[in-house]
Amino acid sequence: MAVQPEGTPCWADAMFGDVEGAKSFYGDVLGWTFGEASSEYGNYTQAYVDGKAVAAVVPPMPGQEGQSQWCLYLASPDAAATAAKIRENGGEVLMEPMQVGEFGTMCLAREPSGAVFGVWQGGTHEGFEASGVAGAYAWAEIFTREPAKADGFFPAVFPYSAKSMEDPGVDYRVYNIGEDTVIGRMAMGDEFPPEVPSYVNVYFAVDNCDDAVAKATKLGGILRFGPMDSPFGRFAALSDPQGASFSVIDMTTTQGDMPQMTDV
């Protein structure tokens, strides 16, 4: 698989205080199997669907224990150059570009409205080996309380053009690379508790949204929104038992017309 174009979501991982608990939860909800923990890289453990890498879980490093959350990585041909652009455009580099053996180079950053994301310069590990199939990455959205900041930042750092949804009730944009829509941007409203910061929401594909929600809630997950039908699929927002937010979507069950999008 070729290295993804710059700015394309290419990998997702999450830090969990209880890695075995996370493996059990996501194994049941998303059908993941897991590889061996890599002790050389902090017990980083990859998740697989039909033998293809789709995500990873890792225990926190000492002193870094905190709220579990999913981190989405955006592809870069040069992580150091991307880190410089992040700084130049008002973002914060939380972890300087770090080479991870021959796998690639990673960097962690926070955009000006507060959402944390990763940058991945692929080496032998180019990112998702499957996407759009049940259990694999499907989509992501930047949820932000300050959309103007996000809209100024991301197209300045990555080669994005933007389109806005023609809906007076929703402040929603998509960022495109060429003709391909790669990520969404949603303005957070009053429905989000004030203590919830801006964040990147990762969607995983499932065969049946309601079944996935039932499994997740039975195992201690919390349903935050949905299930809801949309032109893109039937989806729901959840938190896992350790507090990491994610969404599930059945892209085969669609309802309604695709929204009109206008170039920004």
C-alpha atoms as a PDB file:
ATOM      1  CA  MET A   1       0.000   0.000   0.000  1.00  0.00           C
ATOM      2  CA  ALA A   2       1.426   3.365  -0.966  1.00  0.00           C
ATOM      3  CA  VAL A   3       2.101   5.949   1.715  1.00  0.00           C
ATOM      4  CA  GLN A   4      -1.018   8.085   2.106  1.00  0.00           C
ATOM      5  CA  PRO A   5      -1.169  11.626   0.682  1.00  0.00           C
ATOM      6  CA  GLU A   6      -0.161  14.344   3.141  1.00  0.00           C
ATOM      7  CA  GLY A   7      -2.973  15.143   5.572  1.00  0.00           C
ATOM      8  CA  THR A   8      -4.801  11.828   5.138  1.00  0.00           C
ATOM      9  CA  PRO A   9      -5.879  10.087   8.352  1.00  0.00           C
ATOM     10  CA  CYS A  10      -3.541   7.096   8.420  1.00  0.00           C
ATOM     11  CA  TRP A  11      -3.500   5.573  11.925  1.00  0.00           C
ATOM     12  CA  ALA A  12      -5.216   5.592  15.321  1.00  0.00           C
ATOM     13  CA  ASP A  13      -4.108   4.466  18.747  1.00  0.00           C
ATOM     14  CA  ALA A  14      -5.107   4.964  22.354  1.00  0.00           C
ATOM     15  CA  MET A  15      -3.459   4.816  25.772  1.00  0.00           C
ATOM     16  CA  PHE A  16      -5.260   2.722  28.397  1.00  0.00           C
ATOM     17  CA  GLY A  17      -4.475   2.203  32.074  1.00  0.00           C
ATOM     18  CA  ASP A  18      -6.110  -1.219  31.714  1.00  0.00           C
ATOM     19  CA  VAL A  19      -4.869  -2.519  28.377  1.00  0.00           C
ATOM     20  CA  GLU A  20      -6.325  -6.006  28.906  1.00  0.00           C
ATOM     21  CA  GLY A  21      -9.710  -4.440  29.635  1.00  0.00           C
ATOM     22  CA  ALA A  22      -9.481  -2.364  26.454  1.00  0.00           C
ATOM     23  CA  LYS A  23      -8.528  -5.431  24.410  1.00  0.00           C
ATOM     24  CA  SER A  24     -11.500  -7.343  25.801  1.00  0.00           C
ATOM     25  CA  PHE A  25     -13.929  -4.454  25.148  1.00  0.00           C
ATOM     26  CA  TYR A  26     -12.854  -3.634  21.594  1.00  0.00           C
ATOM     27  CA  GLY A  27     -12.394  -7.311  20.776  1.00  0.00           C
ATOM     28  CA  ASP A  28     -16.054  -7.889  21.603  1.00  0.00           C
ATOM     29  CA  VAL A  29     -17.464  -4.658  20.126  1.00  0.00           C
ATOM     30  CA  LEU A  30     -15.351  -4.379  16.960  1.00  0.00           C
ATOM     31  CA  GLY A  31     -14.112  -7.945  16.484  1.00  0.00           C
ATOM     32  CA  TRP A  32     -10.459  -7.037  16.939  1.00  0.00           C
ATOM     33  CA  THR A  33      -7.719  -9.554  17.536  1.00  0.00           C
ATOM     34  CA  PHE A  34      -4.385  -8.441  18.956  1.00  0.00           C
ATOM     35  CA  GLY A  35      -0.747  -9.054  18.212  1.00  0.00           C
ATOM     36  CA  GLU A  36       2.059  -9.479  20.708  1.00  0.00           C
ATOM     37  CA  ALA A  37       2.873  -6.474  22.905  1.00  0.00           C
ATOM     38  CA  SER A  38       6.098  -4.875  21.711  1.00  0.00           C
ATOM     39  CA  SER A  39       8.150  -4.453  24.901  1.00  0.00           C
ATOM     40  CA  GLU A  40      10.765  -2.481  22.956  1.00  0.00           C
ATOM     41  CA  TYR A  41       8.099   0.171  22.239  1.00  0.00           C
ATOM     42  CA  GLY A  42       6.330   0.465  25.587  1.00  0.00           C
ATOM     43  CA  ASN A  43       4.154  -2.637  25.094  1.00  0.00           C
ATOM     44  CA  TYR A  44       2.507  -1.102  22.041  1.00  0.00           C
ATOM     45  CA  THR A  45      -0.034  -3.678  20.841  1.00  0.00           C
ATOM     46  CA  GLN A  46      -1.587  -3.674  17.390  1.00  0.00           C
ATOM     47  CA  ALA A  47      -5.218  -4.575  16.711  1.00  0.00           C
ATOM     48  CA  TYR A  48      -6.188  -6.551  13.620  1.00  0.00           C
ATOM     49  CA  VAL A  49      -9.246  -7.308  11.508  1.00  0.00           C
ATOM     50  CA  ASP A  50      -8.817 -10.381   9.309  1.00  0.00           C
ATOM     51  CA  GLY A  51      -5.080 -10.171   9.859  1.00  0.00           C
ATOM     52  CA  LYS A  52      -4.821  -6.511   8.803  1.00  0.00           C
ATOM     53  CA  ALA A  53      -3.632  -3.818  11.227  1.00  0.00           C
ATOM     54  CA  VAL A  54      -6.391  -1.311  12.046  1.00  0.00           C
ATOM     55  CA  ALA A  55      -5.346   0.416  15.300  1.00  0.00           C
ATOM     56  CA  ALA A  56      -3.240  -0.025  18.434  1.00  0.00           C
ATOM     57  CA  VAL A  57      -3.500   0.147  22.219  1.00  0.00           C
ATOM     58  CA  VAL A  58      -0.711   0.965  24.655  1.00  0.00           C
ATOM     59  CA  PRO A  59      -0.328   1.413  28.416  1.00  0.00           C
ATOM     60  CA  PRO A  60       0.570   4.921  29.612  1.00  0.00           C
ATOM     61  CA  MET A  61       4.188   5.751  30.231  1.00  0.00           C
ATOM     62  CA  PRO A  62       4.983   6.456  33.905  1.00  0.00           C
ATOM     63  CA  GLY A  63       3.782   9.946  34.773  1.00  0.00           C
ATOM     64  CA  GLN A  64       1.469  10.104  31.751  1.00  0.00           C
ATOM     65  CA  GLU A  65      -1.554   8.452  33.309  1.00  0.00           C
ATOM     66  CA  GLY A  66      -4.700  10.371  32.476  1.00  0.00           C
ATOM     67  CA  GLN A  67      -7.947  10.257  30.579  1.00  0.00           C
ATOM     68  CA  SER A  68      -7.918   7.557  27.911  1.00  0.00           C
ATOM     69  CA  GLN A  69      -8.545   8.937  24.449  1.00  0.00           C
ATOM     70  CA  TRP A  70      -8.149   7.954  20.833  1.00  0.00           C
ATOM     71  CA  CYS A  71      -5.477   9.757  18.840  1.00  0.00           C
ATOM     72  CA  LEU A  72      -5.799  10.108  15.066  1.00  0.00           C
ATOM     73  CA  TYR A  73      -2.604  10.454  13.038  1.00  0.00           C
ATOM     74  CA  LEU A  74      -2.404  12.471   9.827  1.00  0.00           C
ATOM     75  CA  ALA A  75       0.102  11.424   7.181  1.00  0.00           C
ATOM     76  CA  SER A  76       3.171  13.556   6.529  1.00  0.00           C
ATOM     77  CA  PRO A  77       6.119  13.083   4.162  1.00  0.00           C
ATOM     78  CA  ASP A  78       8.302  15.012   6.648  1.00  0.00           C
ATOM     79  CA  ALA A  79       7.205  15.088  10.299  1.00  0.00           C
ATOM     80  CA  ALA A  80       9.787  17.746  11.224  1.00  0.00           C
ATOM     81  CA  ALA A  81       8.536  20.086   8.501  1.00  0.00           C
ATOM     82  CA  THR A  82       4.933  19.484   9.586  1.00  0.00           C
ATOM     83  CA  ALA A  83       5.880  20.227  13.220  1.00  0.00           C
ATOM     84  CA  ALA A  84       7.373  23.549  12.090  1.00  0.00           C
ATOM     85  CA  LYS A  85       4.149  24.406  10.203  1.00  0.00           C
ATOM     86  CA  ILE A  86       2.101  23.501  13.275  1.00  0.00           C
ATOM     87  CA  ARG A  87       4.062  26.020  15.348  1.00  0.00           C
ATOM     88  CA  GLU A  88       3.958  28.697  12.635  1.00  0.00           C
ATOM     89  CA  ASN A  89       0.167  28.488  12.529  1.00  0.00           C
ATOM     90  CA  GLY A  90      -0.594  28.736  16.224  1.00  0.00           C
ATOM     91  CA  GLY A  91      -0.522  25.058  17.155  1.00  0.00           C
ATOM     92  CA  GLU A  92       1.504  23.434  19.900  1.00  0.00           C
ATOM     93  CA  VAL A  93       3.888  20.506  19.456  1.00  0.00           C
ATOM     94  CA  LEU A  94       3.312  18.243  22.456  1.00  0.00           C
ATOM     95  CA  MET A  95       5.878  15.640  21.443  1.00  0.00           C
ATOM     96  CA  GLU A  96       8.717  16.455  19.091  1.00  0.00           C
ATOM     97  CA  PRO A  97       9.087  14.208  16.028  1.00  0.00           C
ATOM     98  CA  MET A  98      10.461  10.892  17.261  1.00  0.00           C
ATOM     99  CA  GLN A  99      11.667   8.037  15.121  1.00  0.00           C
ATOM    100  CA  VAL A 100      10.053   4.710  16.027  1.00  0.00           C
ATOM    101  CA  GLY A 101      12.636   2.249  14.782  1.00  0.00           C
ATOM    102  CA  GLU A 102      12.161   1.520  11.101  1.00  0.00           C
ATOM    103  CA  PHE A 103       8.377   1.861  11.433  1.00  0.00           C
ATOM    104  CA  GLY A 104       8.278   5.624  10.918  1.00  0.00           C
ATOM    105  CA  THR A 105       8.381   8.959  12.730  1.00  0.00           C
ATOM    106  CA  MET A 106       5.639  10.259  15.009  1.00  0.00           C
ATOM    107  CA  CYS A 107       4.762  13.625  16.480  1.00  0.00           C
ATOM    108  CA  LEU A 108       1.896  14.759  18.734  1.00  0.00           C
ATOM    109  CA  ALA A 109       0.333  18.205  18.497  1.00  0.00           C
ATOM    110  CA  ARG A 110      -2.561  20.355  19.685  1.00  0.00           C
ATOM    111  CA  GLU A 111      -4.341  22.645  17.234  1.00  0.00           C
ATOM    112  CA  PRO A 112      -5.243  26.192  18.388  1.00  0.00           C
ATOM    113  CA  SER A 113      -8.771  25.305  19.501  1.00  0.00           C
ATOM    114  CA  GLY A 114      -7.484  22.475  21.685  1.00  0.00           C
ATOM    115  CA  ALA A 115      -7.913  19.185  19.780  1.00  0.00           C
ATOM    116  CA  VAL A 116      -4.935  16.813  20.042  1.00  0.00           C
ATOM    117  CA  PHE A 117      -3.818  14.844  16.978  1.00  0.00           C
ATOM    118  CA  GLY A 118      -0.812  12.933  15.746  1.00  0.00           C
ATOM    119  CA  VAL A 119       1.445  13.194  12.713  1.00  0.00           C
ATOM    120  CA  TRP A 120       2.878  10.038  11.150  1.00  0.00           C
ATOM    121  CA  GLN A 121       5.700   9.864   8.627  1.00  0.00           C
ATOM    122  CA  GLY A 122       5.445   6.276   7.469  1.00  0.00           C
ATOM    123  CA  GLY A 123       8.447   3.974   7.189  1.00  0.00           C
ATOM    124  CA  THR A 124       7.837   0.244   7.097  1.00  0.00           C
ATOM    125  CA  HIS A 125       4.536   0.933   8.906  1.00  0.00           C
ATOM    126  CA  GLU A 126       2.513   3.010   6.479  1.00  0.00           C
ATOM    127  CA  GLY A 127      -0.681   3.052   8.554  1.00  0.00           C
ATOM    128  CA  PHE A 128      -4.069   1.381   8.291  1.00  0.00           C
ATOM    129  CA  GLU A 129      -3.892  -1.897   6.374  1.00  0.00           C
ATOM    130  CA  ALA A 130      -7.684  -1.883   6.064  1.00  0.00           C
ATOM    131  CA  SER A 131     -10.324   0.833   6.251  1.00  0.00           C
ATOM    132  CA  GLY A 132     -14.055   1.031   5.669  1.00  0.00           C
ATOM    133  CA  VAL A 133     -14.610  -2.657   6.501  1.00  0.00           C
ATOM    134  CA  ALA A 134     -16.252  -3.817   9.741  1.00  0.00           C
ATOM    135  CA  GLY A 135     -13.913  -3.192  12.672  1.00  0.00           C
ATOM    136  CA  ALA A 136     -11.647  -0.802  10.758  1.00  0.00           C
ATOM    137  CA  TYR A 137     -11.347   2.984  10.629  1.00  0.00           C
ATOM    138  CA  ALA A 138     -14.163   4.646   8.689  1.00  0.00           C
ATOM    139  CA  TRP A 139     -14.112   8.413   9.288  1.00  0.00           C
ATOM    140  CA  ALA A 140     -13.073  11.151  11.706  1.00  0.00           C
ATOM    141  CA  GLU A 141     -14.250  14.592  12.741  1.00  0.00           C
ATOM    142  CA  ILE A 142     -12.573  17.431  14.585  1.00  0.00           C
ATOM    143  CA  PHE A 143     -15.055  18.545  17.257  1.00  0.00           C
ATOM    144  CA  THR A 144     -14.162  22.120  18.190  1.00  0.00           C
ATOM    145  CA  ARG A 145     -15.543  24.922  20.335  1.00  0.00           C
ATOM    146  CA  GLU A 146     -13.691  27.481  18.190  1.00  0.00           C
ATOM    147  CA  PRO A 147     -14.294  26.471  14.559  1.00  0.00           C
ATOM    148  CA  ALA A 148     -12.655  29.584  13.105  1.00  0.00           C
ATOM    149  CA  LYS A 149      -9.363  28.611  14.749  1.00  0.00           C
ATOM    150  CA  ALA A 150      -9.501  25.053  13.403  1.00  0.00           C
ATOM    151  CA  ASP A 151     -10.518  26.300   9.947  1.00  0.00           C
ATOM    152  CA  GLY A 152      -7.537  28.646   9.855  1.00  0.00           C
ATOM    153  CA  PHE A 153      -5.094  26.064  11.117  1.00  0.00           C
ATOM    154  CA  PHE A 154      -5.668  22.786   9.298  1.00  0.00           C
ATOM    155  CA  PRO A 155      -5.662  24.069   5.680  1.00  0.00           C
ATOM    156  CA  ALA A 156      -2.522  26.078   6.504  1.00  0.00           C
ATOM    157  CA  VAL A 157      -0.644  23.024   7.815  1.00  0.00           C
ATOM    158  CA  PHE A 158      -1.999  20.398   5.405  1.00  0.00           C
ATOM    159  CA  PRO A 159      -2.925  20.692   1.685  1.00  0.00           C
ATOM    160  CA  TYR A 160      -6.652  20.904   2.437  1.00  0.00           C
ATOM    161  CA  SER A 161      -9.418  22.747   0.644  1.00  0.00           C
ATOM    162  CA  ALA A 162     -12.672  23.185   2.574  1.00  0.00           C
ATOM    163  CA  LYS A 163     -16.375  22.863   1.863  1.00  0.00           C
ATOM    164  CA  SER A 164     -19.170  23.990   4.167  1.00  0.00           C
ATOM    165  CA  MET A 165     -22.490  22.208   4.676  1.00  0.00           C
ATOM    166  CA  GLU A 166     -25.496  24.229   3.559  1.00  0.00           C
ATOM    167  CA  ASP A 167     -27.486  23.813   6.768  1.00  0.00           C
ATOM    168  CA  PRO A 168     -28.244  26.862   8.924  1.00  0.00           C
ATOM    169  CA  GLY A 169     -28.634  24.625  11.982  1.00  0.00           C
ATOM    170  CA  VAL A 170     -25.200  22.983  11.773  1.00  0.00           C
ATOM    171  CA  ASP A 171     -21.721  24.500  11.496  1.00  0.00           C
ATOM    172  CA  TYR A 172     -20.000  21.657   9.659  1.00  0.00           C
ATOM    173  CA  ARG A 173     -17.150  21.591   7.171  1.00  0.00           C
ATOM    174  CA  VAL A 174     -15.161  18.937   5.402  1.00  0.00           C
ATOM    175  CA  TYR A 175     -11.505  19.178   4.461  1.00  0.00           C
ATOM    176  CA  ASN A 176     -10.562  17.732   1.088  1.00  0.00           C
ATOM    177  CA  ILE A 177      -7.333  16.660  -0.583  1.00  0.00           C
ATOM    178  CA  GLY A 178      -7.971  17.118  -4.261  1.00  0.00           C
ATOM    179  CA  GLU A 179     -11.355  15.520  -4.906  1.00  0.00           C
ATOM    180  CA  ASP A 180     -11.176  13.274  -1.820  1.00  0.00           C
ATOM    181  CA  THR A 181     -12.940  14.246   1.395  1.00  0.00           C
ATOM    182  CA  VAL A 182     -10.651  13.133   4.214  1.00  0.00           C
ATOM    183  CA  ILE A 183     -11.939  14.576   7.516  1.00  0.00           C
ATOM    184  CA  GLY A 184     -14.831  16.563   8.964  1.00  0.00           C
ATOM    185  CA  ARG A 185     -14.975  19.579  11.286  1.00  0.00           C
ATOM    186  CA  MET A 186     -17.973  20.011  13.598  1.00  0.00           C
ATOM    187  CA  ALA A 187     -18.619  23.036  15.809  1.00  0.00           C
ATOM    188  CA  MET A 188     -19.469  21.915  19.347  1.00  0.00           C
ATOM    189  CA  GLY A 189     -22.693  23.340  20.742  1.00  0.00           C
ATOM    190  CA  ASP A 190     -24.329  23.535  24.149  1.00  0.00           C
ATOM    191  CA  GLU A 191     -25.136  19.818  23.986  1.00  0.00           C
ATOM    192  CA  PHE A 192     -21.494  19.190  24.964  1.00  0.00           C
ATOM    193  CA  PRO A 193     -20.777  19.617  28.685  1.00  0.00           C
ATOM    194  CA  PRO A 194     -18.442  22.596  29.242  1.00  0.00           C
ATOM    195  CA  GLU A 195     -15.714  20.355  30.658  1.00  0.00           C
ATOM    196  CA  VAL A 196     -15.418  18.436  27.362  1.00  0.00           C
ATOM    197  CA  PRO A 197     -12.523  19.990  25.395  1.00  0.00           C
ATOM    198  CA  SER A 198     -12.157  20.082  21.625  1.00  0.00           C
ATOM    199  CA  TYR A 199     -11.190  16.614  20.390  1.00  0.00           C
ATOM    200  CA  VAL A 200     -10.900  14.384  17.329  1.00  0.00           C
ATOM    201  CA  ASN A 201     -13.686  11.797  17.097  1.00  0.00           C
ATOM    202  CA  VAL A 202     -12.747   8.535  15.351  1.00  0.00           C
ATOM    203  CA  TYR A 203     -15.426   6.381  13.696  1.00  0.00           C
ATOM    204  CA  PHE A 204     -15.021   2.629  13.301  1.00  0.00           C
ATOM    205  CA  ALA A 205     -17.120   0.708  10.780  1.00  0.00           C
ATOM    206  CA  VAL A 206     -19.521  -1.983  12.007  1.00  0.00           C
ATOM    207  CA  ASP A 207     -21.938  -4.361  10.296  1.00  0.00           C
ATOM    208  CA  ASN A 208     -24.833  -3.316  12.536  1.00  0.00           C
ATOM    209  CA  CYS A 209     -24.809  -0.089  14.567  1.00  0.00           C
ATOM    210  CA  ASP A 210     -27.488  -1.146  17.058  1.00  0.00           C
ATOM    211  CA  ASP A 211     -25.777  -4.470  17.755  1.00  0.00           C
ATOM    212  CA  ALA A 212     -22.468  -2.699  18.359  1.00  0.00           C
ATOM    213  CA  VAL A 213     -24.134  -0.230  20.748  1.00  0.00           C
ATOM    214  CA  ALA A 214     -25.818  -3.083  22.621  1.00  0.00           C
ATOM    215  CA  LYS A 215     -22.503  -4.917  23.015  1.00  0.00           C
ATOM    216  CA  ALA A 216     -20.668  -1.748  24.095  1.00  0.00           C
ATOM    217  CA  THR A 217     -23.220  -0.726  26.727  1.00  0.00           C
ATOM    218  CA  LYS A 218     -23.480  -4.272  28.082  1.00  0.00           C
ATOM    219  CA  LEU A 219     -19.704  -4.190  28.625  1.00  0.00           C
ATOM    220  CA  GLY A 220     -19.779  -0.871  30.493  1.00  0.00           C
ATOM    221  CA  GLY A 221     -19.566   1.592  27.624  1.00  0.00           C
ATOM    222  CA  ILE A 222     -21.782   4.687  27.650  1.00  0.00           C
ATOM    223  CA  LEU A 223     -24.013   5.724  24.753  1.00  0.00           C
ATOM    224  CA  ARG A 224     -23.515   9.464  24.167  1.00  0.00           C
ATOM    225  CA  PHE A 225     -25.582   9.978  21.017  1.00  0.00           C
ATOM    226  CA  GLY A 226     -27.711   7.946  18.640  1.00  0.00           C
ATOM    227  CA  PRO A 227     -28.067   5.525  17.044  1.00  0.00           C
ATOM    228  CA  MET A 228     -29.110   7.886  14.263  1.00  0.00           C
ATOM    229  CA  ASP A 229     -29.693   7.432  10.549  1.00  0.00           C
ATOM    230  CA  SER A 230     -27.924   9.706   8.075  1.00  0.00           C
ATOM    231  CA  PRO A 231     -27.079   9.794   4.363  1.00  0.00           C
ATOM    232  CA  PHE A 232     -23.628   8.484   5.325  1.00  0.00           C
ATOM    233  CA  GLY A 233     -24.835   5.580   7.449  1.00  0.00           C
ATOM    234  CA  ARG A 234     -26.400   4.697  10.786  1.00  0.00           C
ATOM    235  CA  PHE A 235     -24.076   5.830  13.558  1.00  0.00           C
ATOM    236  CA  ALA A 236     -23.731   6.302  17.311  1.00  0.00           C
ATOM    237  CA  ALA A 237     -21.261   8.031  19.638  1.00  0.00           C
ATOM    238  CA  LEU A 238     -19.942   6.081  22.624  1.00  0.00           C
ATOM    239  CA  SER A 239     -17.438   6.203  25.446  1.00  0.00           C
ATOM    240  CA  ASP A 240     -15.634   3.020  26.394  1.00  0.00           C
ATOM    241  CA  PRO A 241     -15.421   1.889  30.061  1.00  0.00           C
ATOM    242  CA  GLN A 242     -12.151   3.826  30.484  1.00  0.00           C
ATOM    243  CA  GLY A 243     -13.655   7.059  29.120  1.00  0.00           C
ATOM    244  CA  ALA A 244     -12.240   7.120  25.580  1.00  0.00           C
ATOM    245  CA  SER A 245     -14.772   8.518  23.101  1.00  0.00           C
ATOM    246  CA  PHE A 246     -15.323   6.920  19.702  1.00  0.00           C
ATOM    247  CA  SER A 247     -18.147   6.365  17.233  1.00  0.00           C
ATOM    248  CA  VAL A 248     -19.440   3.394  15.274  1.00  0.00           C
ATOM    249  CA  ILE A 249     -21.064   3.570  11.845  1.00  0.00           C
ATOM    250  CA  ASP A 250     -22.832   1.092   9.595  1.00  0.00           C
ATOM    251  CA  MET A 251     -22.174   2.658   6.195  1.00  0.00           C
ATOM    252  CA  THR A 252     -24.497   0.231   4.403  1.00  0.00           C
ATOM    253  CA  THR A 253     -27.629   1.552   6.160  1.00  0.00           C
ATOM    254  CA  THR A 254     -28.209   5.043   4.774  1.00  0.00           C
ATOM    255  CA  GLN A 255     -31.191   7.378   4.867  1.00  0.00           C
ATOM    256  CA  GLY A 256     -31.854  10.784   3.308  1.00  0.00           C
ATOM    257  CA  ASP A 257     -30.154  12.811   0.602  1.00  0.00           C
ATOM    258  CA  MET A 258     -26.517  13.826   0.719  1.00  0.00           C
ATOM    259  CA  PRO A 259     -26.183  17.403   2.022  1.00  0.00           C
ATOM    260  CA  GLN A 260     -25.224  20.237  -0.308  1.00  0.00           C
ATOM    261  CA  MET A 261     -21.651  21.403   0.216  1.00  0.00           C
ATOM    262  CA  THR A 262     -20.269  24.802  -0.822  1.00  0.00           C
ATOM    263  CA  ASP A 263     -16.631  25.710  -1.443  1.00  0.00           C
ATOM    264  CA  VAL A 264     -15.250  27.986   1.267  1.00  0.00           C
END
